[in-house]
C-alpha atoms as a PDB file:
ATOM      1  CA  MET A   1      10.065  16.067   5.563  1.00  0.00           C
ATOM      2  CA  MET A   2      13.769  16.367   4.954  1.00  0.00           C
ATOM      3  CA  TYR A   3      15.491  14.917   1.923  1.00  0.00           C
ATOM      4  CA  ASN A   4      18.921  13.378   1.547  1.00  0.00           C
ATOM      5  CA  ASN A   5      21.494  15.082  -0.639  1.00  0.00           C
ATOM      6  CA  TYR A   6      19.815  18.487  -0.525  1.00  0.00           C
ATOM      7  CA  GLU A   7      22.222  20.113  -2.998  1.00  0.00           C
ATOM      8  CA  LYS A   8      21.619  17.433  -5.629  1.00  0.00           C
ATOM      9  CA  ASN A   9      17.864  17.785  -5.153  1.00  0.00           C
ATOM     10  CA  GLN A  10      18.159  21.531  -5.615  1.00  0.00           C
ATOM     11  CA  GLU A  11      20.057  20.948  -8.826  1.00  0.00           C
ATOM     12  CA  LEU A  12      17.447  18.505 -10.136  1.00  0.00           C
ATOM     13  CA  THR A  13      14.610  20.805  -9.057  1.00  0.00           C
ATOM     14  CA  GLU A  14      16.113  23.772 -10.920  1.00  0.00           C
ATOM     15  CA  LYS A  15      16.699  21.597 -13.985  1.00  0.00           C
ATOM     16  CA  GLY A  16      13.104  20.355 -13.833  1.00  0.00           C
ATOM     17  CA  GLY A  17      11.872  23.936 -13.612  1.00  0.00           C
ATOM     18  CA  ARG A  18      13.793  24.875 -16.758  1.00  0.00           C
ATOM     19  CA  GLU A  19      12.357  21.860 -18.578  1.00  0.00           C
ATOM     20  CA  MET A  20       8.867  22.746 -17.360  1.00  0.00           C
ATOM     21  CA  GLU A  21       9.254  26.251 -18.769  1.00  0.00           C
ATOM     22  CA  GLN A  22      10.356  24.940 -22.159  1.00  0.00           C
ATOM     23  CA  ALA A  23       7.404  22.537 -22.229  1.00  0.00           C
ATOM     24  CA  ALA A  24       4.997  25.400 -21.452  1.00  0.00           C
ATOM     25  CA  TYR A  25       5.869  27.070 -24.760  1.00  0.00           C
ATOM     26  CA  THR A  26       4.410  24.086 -26.648  1.00  0.00           C
ATOM     27  CA  LEU A  27       1.347  23.225 -24.541  1.00  0.00           C
ATOM     28  CA  PRO A  28      -1.588  22.725 -26.932  1.00  0.00           C
ATOM     29  CA  PRO A  29      -4.976  24.290 -26.212  1.00  0.00           C
ATOM     30  CA  PRO A  30      -6.980  22.029 -23.862  1.00  0.00           C
ATOM     31  CA  SER A  31      -9.933  20.144 -25.369  1.00  0.00           C
ATOM     32  CA  PRO A  32     -13.034  20.881 -23.263  1.00  0.00           C
ATOM     33  CA  THR A  33     -15.680  18.154 -23.058  1.00  0.00           C
ATOM     34  CA  LYS A  34     -18.456  19.698 -20.977  1.00  0.00           C
ATOM     35  CA  GLY A  35     -19.958  22.818 -19.463  1.00  0.00           C
ATOM     36  CA  PRO A  36     -19.244  26.544 -19.814  1.00  0.00           C
ATOM     37  CA  ALA A  37     -15.769  28.032 -19.529  1.00  0.00           C
ATOM     38  CA  VAL A  38     -14.376  28.764 -16.069  1.00  0.00           C
ATOM     39  CA  LYS A  39     -12.862  32.216 -15.586  1.00  0.00           C
ATOM     40  CA  ILE A  40      -9.719  31.961 -13.455  1.00  0.00           C
ATOM     41  CA  HIS A  41      -7.763  34.994 -12.279  1.00  0.00           C
ATOM     42  CA  ILE A  42      -4.003  34.610 -11.815  1.00  0.00           C
ATOM     43  CA  LEU A  43      -1.303  37.146 -10.986  1.00  0.00           C
ATOM     44  CA  THR A  44       1.960  35.975 -12.513  1.00  0.00           C
ATOM     45  CA  GLY A  45       5.234  37.111 -13.994  1.00  0.00           C
ATOM     46  CA  GLU A  46       8.456  36.076 -15.680  1.00  0.00           C
ATOM     47  CA  ARG A  47       9.452  33.663 -12.901  1.00  0.00           C
ATOM     48  CA  HIS A  48       6.098  31.902 -12.660  1.00  0.00           C
ATOM     49  CA  TRP A  49       4.252  32.182 -15.992  1.00  0.00           C
ATOM     50  CA  TYR A  50       4.955  28.598 -17.031  1.00  0.00           C
ATOM     51  CA  GLN A  51       3.655  27.326 -13.686  1.00  0.00           C
ATOM     52  CA  ALA A  52       0.467  29.310 -14.318  1.00  0.00           C
ATOM     53  CA  ALA A  53       0.212  27.657 -17.740  1.00  0.00           C
ATOM     54  CA  PHE A  54       0.379  24.172 -16.227  1.00  0.00           C
ATOM     55  CA  CYS A  55      -1.997  25.132 -13.406  1.00  0.00           C
ATOM     56  CA  LEU A  56      -4.630  26.295 -15.907  1.00  0.00           C
ATOM     57  CA  TRP A  57      -3.995  23.418 -18.301  1.00  0.00           C
ATOM     58  CA  SER A  58      -4.286  20.803 -15.552  1.00  0.00           C
ATOM     59  CA  PHE A  59      -7.528  22.401 -14.322  1.00  0.00           C
ATOM     60  CA  ALA A  60      -9.000  22.182 -17.818  1.00  0.00           C
ATOM     61  CA  ALA A  61      -7.792  18.597 -18.312  1.00  0.00           C
ATOM     62  CA  ALA A  62      -9.068  17.418 -14.924  1.00  0.00           C
ATOM     63  CA  SER A  63     -12.433  19.182 -15.104  1.00  0.00           C
ATOM     64  CA  GLY A  64     -13.258  18.808 -18.788  1.00  0.00           C
ATOM     65  CA  ARG A  65     -14.172  22.495 -18.777  1.00  0.00           C
ATOM     66  CA  ALA A  66     -12.687  25.217 -20.940  1.00  0.00           C
ATOM     67  CA  VAL A  67     -10.816  27.897 -19.035  1.00  0.00           C
ATOM     68  CA  ALA A  68     -10.944  31.626 -19.693  1.00  0.00           C
ATOM     69  CA  PRO A  69      -7.882  32.870 -17.800  1.00  0.00           C
ATOM     70  CA  VAL A  70      -7.532  36.471 -16.717  1.00  0.00           C
ATOM     71  CA  ILE A  71      -3.782  36.970 -16.403  1.00  0.00           C
ATOM     72  CA  PHE A  72      -2.555  39.940 -14.363  1.00  0.00           C
ATOM     73  CA  ASP A  73       1.037  40.931 -15.117  1.00  0.00           C
ATOM     74  CA  ASP A  74       3.136  41.597 -12.016  1.00  0.00           C
ATOM     75  CA  GLY A  75       5.269  43.882 -14.179  1.00  0.00           C
ATOM     76  CA  SER A  76       7.814  41.308 -15.330  1.00  0.00           C
ATOM     77  CA  LEU A  77       6.057  39.324 -18.086  1.00  0.00           C
ATOM     78  CA  LYS A  78       7.698  39.443 -21.490  1.00  0.00           C
ATOM     79  CA  LEU A  79       5.955  39.375 -24.844  1.00  0.00           C
ATOM     80  CA  GLU A  80       7.105  35.801 -25.495  1.00  0.00           C
ATOM     81  CA  HIS A  81       5.404  34.628 -22.284  1.00  0.00           C
ATOM     82  CA  ILE A  82       2.164  36.406 -23.129  1.00  0.00           C
ATOM     83  CA  GLU A  83       2.129  35.000 -26.650  1.00  0.00           C
ATOM     84  CA  ALA A  84       2.750  31.459 -25.375  1.00  0.00           C
ATOM     85  CA  LEU A  85      -0.125  31.765 -22.896  1.00  0.00           C
ATOM     86  CA  LYS A  86      -2.432  33.135 -25.599  1.00  0.00           C
ATOM     87  CA  ARG A  87      -1.585  30.241 -27.939  1.00  0.00           C
ATOM     88  CA  THR A  88      -2.531  27.717 -25.284  1.00  0.00           C
ATOM     89  CA  PHE A  89      -5.586  29.557 -23.967  1.00  0.00           C
ATOM     90  CA  PRO A  90      -7.493  31.295 -26.774  1.00  0.00           C
ATOM     91  CA  LYS A  91     -10.035  32.711 -24.280  1.00  0.00           C
ATOM     92  CA  LEU A  92      -7.299  34.464 -22.275  1.00  0.00           C
ATOM     93  CA  THR A  93      -7.630  38.080 -21.163  1.00  0.00           C
ATOM     94  CA  PHE A  94      -4.395  39.883 -20.368  1.00  0.00           C
ATOM     95  CA  VAL A  95      -4.234  42.781 -17.888  1.00  0.00           C
ATOM     96  CA  GLY A  96      -0.937  44.639 -18.106  1.00  0.00           C
ATOM     97  CA  ALA A  97       0.785  46.242 -15.127  1.00  0.00           C
ATOM     98  CA  THR A  98       0.240  49.756 -16.536  1.00  0.00           C
ATOM     99  CA  GLN A  99      -3.432  48.994 -17.109  1.00  0.00           C
ATOM    100  CA  SER A 100      -3.751  47.855 -13.491  1.00  0.00           C
ATOM    101  CA  LEU A 101      -2.112  51.044 -12.246  1.00  0.00           C
ATOM    102  CA  ASP A 102      -4.479  53.202 -14.284  1.00  0.00           C
ATOM    103  CA  TRP A 103      -7.401  51.231 -12.829  1.00  0.00           C
ATOM    104  CA  LEU A 104      -6.118  51.711  -9.292  1.00  0.00           C
ATOM    105  CA  ASP A 105      -5.674  55.436  -9.854  1.00  0.00           C
ATOM    106  CA  THR A 106      -9.387  55.579 -10.597  1.00  0.00           C
ATOM    107  CA  HIS A 107     -10.703  53.240  -7.905  1.00  0.00           C
ATOM    108  CA  LEU A 108      -8.085  53.363  -5.129  1.00  0.00           C
ATOM    109  CA  PRO A 109      -6.314  56.732  -5.510  1.00  0.00           C
ATOM    110  CA  ASP A 110      -3.170  57.433  -3.490  1.00  0.00           C
ATOM    111  CA  SER A 111      -4.867  60.360  -1.783  1.00  0.00           C
ATOM    112  CA  HIS A 112      -7.415  58.085  -0.076  1.00  0.00           C
ATOM    113  CA  TYR A 113      -5.496  54.799   0.175  1.00  0.00           C
ATOM    114  CA  PRO A 114      -1.873  55.814   0.786  1.00  0.00           C
ATOM    115  CA  THR A 115      -0.784  52.622   2.585  1.00  0.00           C
ATOM    116  CA  LEU A 116      -2.330  50.191   0.111  1.00  0.00           C
ATOM    117  CA  ARG A 117      -0.838  52.071  -2.819  1.00  0.00           C
ATOM    118  CA  ALA A 118       2.584  52.453  -1.190  1.00  0.00           C
ATOM    119  CA  GLN A 119       2.715  48.749  -0.358  1.00  0.00           C
ATOM    120  CA  HIS A 120       1.516  47.908  -3.860  1.00  0.00           C
ATOM    121  CA  ARG A 121       4.596  49.672  -5.219  1.00  0.00           C
ATOM    122  CA  VAL A 122       7.121  47.851  -3.009  1.00  0.00           C
ATOM    123  CA  ASN A 123       5.505  44.461  -2.338  1.00  0.00           C
ATOM    124  CA  PRO A 124       4.162  42.643  -5.422  1.00  0.00           C
ATOM    125  CA  ILE A 125       2.108  40.276  -3.227  1.00  0.00           C
ATOM    126  CA  TYR A 126      -0.368  43.144  -2.709  1.00  0.00           C
ATOM    127  CA  ARG A 127      -1.275  42.853  -6.398  1.00  0.00           C
ATOM    128  CA  LYS A 128      -3.138  39.602  -5.632  1.00  0.00           C
ATOM    129  CA  LEU A 129      -5.590  41.717  -3.655  1.00  0.00           C
ATOM    130  CA  LEU A 130      -5.583  45.118  -5.339  1.00  0.00           C
ATOM    131  CA  ASP A 131      -5.158  44.306  -9.038  1.00  0.00           C
ATOM    132  CA  ILE A 132      -7.672  41.464  -9.035  1.00  0.00           C
ATOM    133  CA  HIS A 133     -10.410  43.021  -6.872  1.00  0.00           C
ATOM    134  CA  ALA A 134     -10.232  46.832  -6.809  1.00  0.00           C
ATOM    135  CA  GLY A 135     -13.253  48.430  -8.485  1.00  0.00           C
ATOM    136  CA  GLN A 136     -14.835  45.049  -9.247  1.00  0.00           C
ATOM    137  CA  VAL A 137     -18.161  43.646  -8.031  1.00  0.00           C
ATOM    138  CA  GLU A 138     -18.565  40.042  -9.212  1.00  0.00           C
ATOM    139  CA  TRP A 139     -17.450  36.754  -7.673  1.00  0.00           C
ATOM    140  CA  ARG A 140     -13.893  35.995  -8.759  1.00  0.00           C
ATOM    141  CA  LEU A 141     -12.028  32.697  -8.659  1.00  0.00           C
ATOM    142  CA  GLN A 142      -8.288  33.232  -8.264  1.00  0.00           C
ATOM    143  CA  MET A 143      -5.350  30.863  -7.973  1.00  0.00           C
ATOM    144  CA  ASP A 144      -1.632  30.898  -7.424  1.00  0.00           C
ATOM    145  CA  SER A 145       0.599  29.642 -10.207  1.00  0.00           C
ATOM    146  CA  ASP A 146       2.130  26.759  -8.223  1.00  0.00           C
ATOM    147  CA  ILE A 147      -0.901  24.454  -8.305  1.00  0.00           C
ATOM    148  CA  LEU A 148      -1.682  21.298 -10.273  1.00  0.00           C
ATOM    149  CA  PHE A 149      -5.002  19.424 -10.598  1.00  0.00           C
ATOM    150  CA  PHE A 150      -5.147  15.638 -10.979  1.00  0.00           C
ATOM    151  CA  ARG A 151      -8.866  14.899 -10.584  1.00  0.00           C
ATOM    152  CA  SER A 152     -11.947  16.928 -11.372  1.00  0.00           C
ATOM    153  CA  PRO A 153     -12.259  19.751  -8.809  1.00  0.00           C
ATOM    154  CA  GLU A 154     -15.979  19.194  -8.240  1.00  0.00           C
ATOM    155  CA  PHE A 155     -16.061  21.262  -5.047  1.00  0.00           C
ATOM    156  CA  VAL A 156     -14.652  24.287  -6.868  1.00  0.00           C
ATOM    157  CA  LEU A 157     -16.823  23.748  -9.953  1.00  0.00           C
ATOM    158  CA  LYS A 158     -19.982  23.534  -7.841  1.00  0.00           C
ATOM    159  CA  TRP A 159     -18.979  26.753  -6.089  1.00  0.00           C
ATOM    160  CA  TYR A 160     -18.123  28.462  -9.377  1.00  0.00           C
ATOM    161  CA  ASP A 161     -21.453  27.606 -11.005  1.00  0.00           C
ATOM    162  CA  LEU A 162     -23.447  28.876  -8.015  1.00  0.00           C
ATOM    163  CA  PRO A 163     -21.304  30.861  -5.552  1.00  0.00           C
ATOM    164  CA  GLN A 164     -23.017  31.550  -2.243  1.00  0.00           C
ATOM    165  CA  ALA A 165     -20.133  31.786   0.217  1.00  0.00           C
ATOM    166  CA  GLN A 166     -16.511  32.883   0.127  1.00  0.00           C
ATOM    167  CA  LEU A 167     -14.087  30.070  -0.755  1.00  0.00           C
ATOM    168  CA  TYR A 168     -10.560  29.519   0.533  1.00  0.00           C
ATOM    169  CA  LEU A 169      -7.973  26.765   1.007  1.00  0.00           C
ATOM    170  CA  TYR A 170      -7.439  25.363   4.494  1.00  0.00           C
ATOM    171  CA  ASP A 171      -3.790  25.818   5.462  1.00  0.00           C
ATOM    172  CA  ILE A 172      -1.654  23.422   7.507  1.00  0.00           C
ATOM    173  CA  LYS A 173      -1.118  26.220  10.057  1.00  0.00           C
ATOM    174  CA  ASN A 174      -1.669  29.943  10.473  1.00  0.00           C
ATOM    175  CA  ALA A 175       0.703  31.672   8.055  1.00  0.00           C
ATOM    176  CA  TYR A 176      -0.056  35.318   8.811  1.00  0.00           C
ATOM    177  CA  SER A 177       2.047  38.432   9.206  1.00  0.00           C
ATOM    178  CA  ALA A 178       1.026  38.863  12.853  1.00  0.00           C
ATOM    179  CA  SER A 179      -0.224  36.737  15.742  1.00  0.00           C
ATOM    180  CA  ILE A 180      -3.817  35.564  15.762  1.00  0.00           C
ATOM    181  CA  ASP A 181      -4.402  37.476  19.018  1.00  0.00           C
ATOM    182  CA  TYR A 182      -3.195  40.741  17.499  1.00  0.00           C
ATOM    183  CA  LEU A 183      -5.272  40.183  14.366  1.00  0.00           C
ATOM    184  CA  SER A 184      -8.401  39.425  16.382  1.00  0.00           C
ATOM    185  CA  GLU A 185      -7.846  42.601  18.384  1.00  0.00           C
ATOM    186  CA  LEU A 186      -7.326  44.527  15.142  1.00  0.00           C
ATOM    187  CA  ALA A 187     -10.500  43.108  13.586  1.00  0.00           C
ATOM    188  CA  GLY A 188     -12.604  43.410  16.726  1.00  0.00           C
ATOM    189  CA  ARG A 189     -13.669  39.776  16.310  1.00  0.00           C
ATOM    190  CA  PRO A 190     -12.088  36.312  16.137  1.00  0.00           C
ATOM    191  CA  VAL A 191     -10.047  36.031  12.954  1.00  0.00           C
ATOM    192  CA  LEU A 192     -10.552  33.073  10.692  1.00  0.00           C
ATOM    193  CA  GLN A 193      -7.691  30.639  11.134  1.00  0.00           C
ATOM    194  CA  ARG A 194      -5.649  28.726   8.555  1.00  0.00           C
ATOM    195  CA  VAL A 195      -6.718  30.753   5.531  1.00  0.00           C
ATOM    196  CA  ASN A 196      -4.500  30.006   2.547  1.00  0.00           C
ATOM    197  CA  ALA A 197      -4.852  32.390  -0.372  1.00  0.00           C
ATOM    198  CA  GLY A 198      -3.523  29.989  -3.007  1.00  0.00           C
ATOM    199  CA  LEU A 199      -7.089  29.410  -4.155  1.00  0.00           C
ATOM    200  CA  LEU A 200      -9.832  31.884  -3.352  1.00  0.00           C
ATOM    201  CA  GLY A 201     -13.383  32.598  -4.400  1.00  0.00           C
ATOM    202  CA  ILE A 202     -14.185  36.171  -3.361  1.00  0.00           C
ATOM    203  CA  ARG A 203     -17.007  38.548  -4.188  1.00  0.00           C
ATOM    204  CA  SER A 204     -15.116  41.733  -4.927  1.00  0.00           C
ATOM    205  CA  ALA A 205     -18.047  43.978  -3.999  1.00  0.00           C
ATOM    206  CA  ASP A 206     -17.854  42.716  -0.401  1.00  0.00           C
ATOM    207  CA  ILE A 207     -14.372  44.153   0.180  1.00  0.00           C
ATOM    208  CA  ASP A 208     -14.396  47.256   2.370  1.00  0.00           C
ATOM    209  CA  TRP A 209     -11.408  49.171   1.024  1.00  0.00           C
ATOM    210  CA  GLU A 210     -11.470  51.755   3.816  1.00  0.00           C
ATOM    211  CA  GLN A 211     -11.136  48.865   6.250  1.00  0.00           C
ATOM    212  CA  MET A 212      -8.378  47.321   4.132  1.00  0.00           C
ATOM    213  CA  GLU A 213      -6.465  50.617   4.223  1.00  0.00           C
ATOM    214  CA  PHE A 214      -6.777  50.730   8.018  1.00  0.00           C
ATOM    215  CA  TRP A 215      -5.619  47.122   8.414  1.00  0.00           C
ATOM    216  CA  ALA A 216      -2.735  47.579   5.973  1.00  0.00           C
ATOM    217  CA  LYS A 217      -1.575  50.672   7.863  1.00  0.00           C
ATOM    218  CA  LYS A 218      -1.647  48.845  11.187  1.00  0.00           C
ATOM    219  CA  LEU A 219       0.080  45.726   9.823  1.00  0.00           C
ATOM    220  CA  THR A 220       2.779  47.810   8.149  1.00  0.00           C
ATOM    221  CA  ALA A 221       3.509  49.585  11.422  1.00  0.00           C
ATOM    222  CA  HIS A 222       3.373  46.312  13.367  1.00  0.00           C
ATOM    223  CA  GLY A 223       5.965  44.624  11.164  1.00  0.00           C
ATOM    224  CA  GLY A 224       6.049  40.855  10.641  1.00  0.00           C
ATOM    225  CA  SER A 225       6.302  38.755   7.509  1.00  0.00           C
ATOM    226  CA  ALA A 226       5.671  40.833   4.391  1.00  0.00           C
ATOM    227  CA  HIS A 227       5.414  37.565   2.462  1.00  0.00           C
ATOM    228  CA  HIS A 228       2.135  36.677   4.195  1.00  0.00           C
ATOM    229  CA  VAL A 229       0.546  40.109   4.446  1.00  0.00           C
ATOM    230  CA  GLU A 230      -1.919  39.684   1.571  1.00  0.00           C
ATOM    231  CA  GLN A 231      -3.017  36.333   3.026  1.00  0.00           C
ATOM    232  CA  THR A 232      -3.469  38.093   6.364  1.00  0.00           C
ATOM    233  CA  LEU A 233      -5.635  40.800   4.804  1.00  0.00           C
ATOM    234  CA  PHE A 234      -7.783  38.174   3.093  1.00  0.00           C
ATOM    235  CA  ALA A 235      -8.195  36.344   6.433  1.00  0.00           C
ATOM    236  CA  LEU A 236      -9.246  39.565   8.148  1.00  0.00           C
ATOM    237  CA  HIS A 237     -11.761  40.232   5.384  1.00  0.00           C
ATOM    238  CA  LEU A 238     -13.209  36.722   5.447  1.00  0.00           C
ATOM    239  CA  SER A 239     -13.623  36.614   9.214  1.00  0.00           C
ATOM    240  CA  ASP A 240     -17.121  38.102   9.197  1.00  0.00           C
ATOM    241  CA  ARG A 241     -18.279  36.315   6.034  1.00  0.00           C
ATOM    242  CA  GLU A 242     -19.885  32.985   5.369  1.00  0.00           C
ATOM    243  CA  CYS A 243     -17.026  30.807   4.147  1.00  0.00           C
ATOM    244  CA  ILE A 244     -16.379  27.306   2.891  1.00  0.00           C
ATOM    245  CA  TYR A 245     -13.254  25.310   2.090  1.00  0.00           C
ATOM    246  CA  PRO A 246     -12.687  21.974   0.363  1.00  0.00           C
ATOM    247  CA  ASP A 247     -11.461  18.858   2.149  1.00  0.00           C
ATOM    248  CA  PRO A 248      -7.714  19.361   2.833  1.00  0.00           C
ATOM    249  CA  LYS A 249      -7.149  15.675   2.027  1.00  0.00           C
ATOM    250  CA  ASP A 250      -8.341  16.367  -1.527  1.00  0.00           C
ATOM    251  CA  TYR A 251      -6.933  19.874  -1.914  1.00  0.00           C
ATOM    252  CA  VAL A 252      -3.476  19.301  -0.521  1.00  0.00           C
ATOM    253  CA  LEU A 253      -1.173  22.054   0.608  1.00  0.00           C
ATOM    254  CA  LEU A 254       2.475  20.988   0.888  1.00  0.00           C
ATOM    255  CA  PRO A 255       2.130  17.367  -0.303  1.00  0.00           C
ATOM    256  CA  ASP A 256       4.479  14.754   1.116  1.00  0.00           C
ATOM    257  CA  PRO A 257       5.129  11.212  -0.147  1.00  0.00           C
ATOM    258  CA  PRO A 258       3.355   8.960  -0.841  1.00  0.00           C
ATOM    259  CA  GLU A 259       0.733  11.509  -2.003  1.00  0.00           C
ATOM    260  CA  ALA A 260       3.372  13.772  -3.528  1.00  0.00           C
ATOM    261  CA  ILE A 261       4.322  10.890  -5.829  1.00  0.00           C
ATOM    262  CA  GLU A 262       0.986   9.103  -6.356  1.00  0.00           C
ATOM    263  CA  CYS A 263      -1.116  12.278  -6.919  1.00  0.00           C
ATOM    264  CA  LYS A 264      -4.387  10.682  -5.822  1.00  0.00           C
ATOM    265  CA  ALA A 265      -5.767  13.957  -4.465  1.00  0.00           C
ATOM    266  CA  VAL A 266      -7.726  16.470  -6.513  1.00  0.00           C
ATOM    267  CA  MET A 267      -5.098  19.194  -6.249  1.00  0.00           C
ATOM    268  CA  HIS A 268      -1.615  19.989  -4.959  1.00  0.00           C
ATOM    269  CA  HIS A 269      -0.400  23.418  -3.913  1.00  0.00           C
ATOM    270  CA  TYR A 270       3.395  23.255  -4.068  1.00  0.00           C
ATOM    271  CA  VAL A 271       4.831  25.539  -1.411  1.00  0.00           C
ATOM    272  CA  THR A 272       8.317  25.493   0.146  1.00  0.00           C
ATOM    273  CA  TYR A 273      10.025  22.070  -0.191  1.00  0.00           C
ATOM    274  CA  ALA A 274       7.097  20.526  -2.124  1.00  0.00           C
ATOM    275  CA  ARG A 275       8.409  22.388  -5.171  1.00  0.00           C
ATOM    276  CA  LEU A 276      10.726  19.413  -5.534  1.00  0.00           C
ATOM    277  CA  TRP A 277       7.773  17.244  -6.639  1.00  0.00           C
ATOM    278  CA  HIS A 278       6.274  20.030  -8.736  1.00  0.00           C
ATOM    279  CA  PHE A 279       9.376  20.719 -10.807  1.00  0.00           C
ATOM    280  CA  GLN A 280      11.043  17.320 -10.886  1.00  0.00           C
ATOM    281  CA  LYS A 281       8.044  15.056 -11.376  1.00  0.00           C
ATOM    282  CA  ASN A 282       4.415  16.020 -11.478  1.00  0.00           C
ATOM    283  CA  TRP A 283       4.117  18.536 -14.318  1.00  0.00           C
ATOM    284  CA  ARG A 284       5.373  15.759 -16.592  1.00  0.00           C
ATOM    285  CA  ARG A 285       2.073  13.927 -16.135  1.00  0.00           C
ATOM    286  CA  PHE A 286       0.507  16.464 -18.480  1.00  0.00           C
ATOM    287  CA  VAL A 287       2.975  16.081 -21.334  1.00  0.00           C
ATOM    288  CA  SER A 288       3.835  12.382 -21.180  1.00  0.00           C
ATOM    289  CA  GLY A 289       0.541  11.056 -22.558  1.00  0.00           C
ATOM    290  CA  SER A 290      -0.480   9.533 -19.223  1.00  0.00           C
ATOM    291  CA  GLN A 291      -1.969  12.823 -17.937  1.00  0.00           C
ATOM    292  CA  LEU A 292      -4.787  11.886 -15.531  1.00  0.00           C
ATOM    293  CA  SER A 293      -3.812   8.281 -14.974  1.00  0.00           C
END
């Protein structure tokens, strides 16, 4: 969808983003009403921390569950951002960028995983894979920062309480760093289509890091969109696993009006032009008193 007066919309979107960031500093701790806390893993930084705050806060408000965020620093978080997140989420665990590097040196050393480690240094998107999953074994629920929840995410909660298959979002199209034919040839099997890594439930122990190194090496040599490479690696990994995804009509990627305005779905993932609705309008639902109306 195209919008009239693009420059004015950009101006309003940037202004809304600044207001959203200021509001994030004063978000109160959510008030859980039921069930155990949900551990959510998010990689974020200076440009996105306030979006992560609203993502987590909206999840808690919509679900009635406490959240125990595990925040991975992409290397740009400042102390003021960390302190604001800790005030809002008392159960928060913070993993600093240096701490992640030390962990990777132990579990994915440069000598054995040169491509993964080299790409980790130059492309922060690799941190969503390496920092969150390297050396881990349990099921991990991870999200991008640019998500809001408006109704209880029952599909995700049911998965979280008893995970039995890998969970991903269903994309509107294949957004990979190479063609599906090349990826299927690379994997030696049909590659799962339309995997979106904005919300994932992955068992870390299932990741074959030798295979990941091989795929990363091939994809780096092949070229393509570096922006989508981590999503591509997740799709390759998931292609021989039992997987599930929630109804795309409830877990909406790239919402358009009227849904972008009415927010009747469970969740929105605000990519590309949908950021207009994220920054200008929808975060305000959680500070205006109307919240989940």
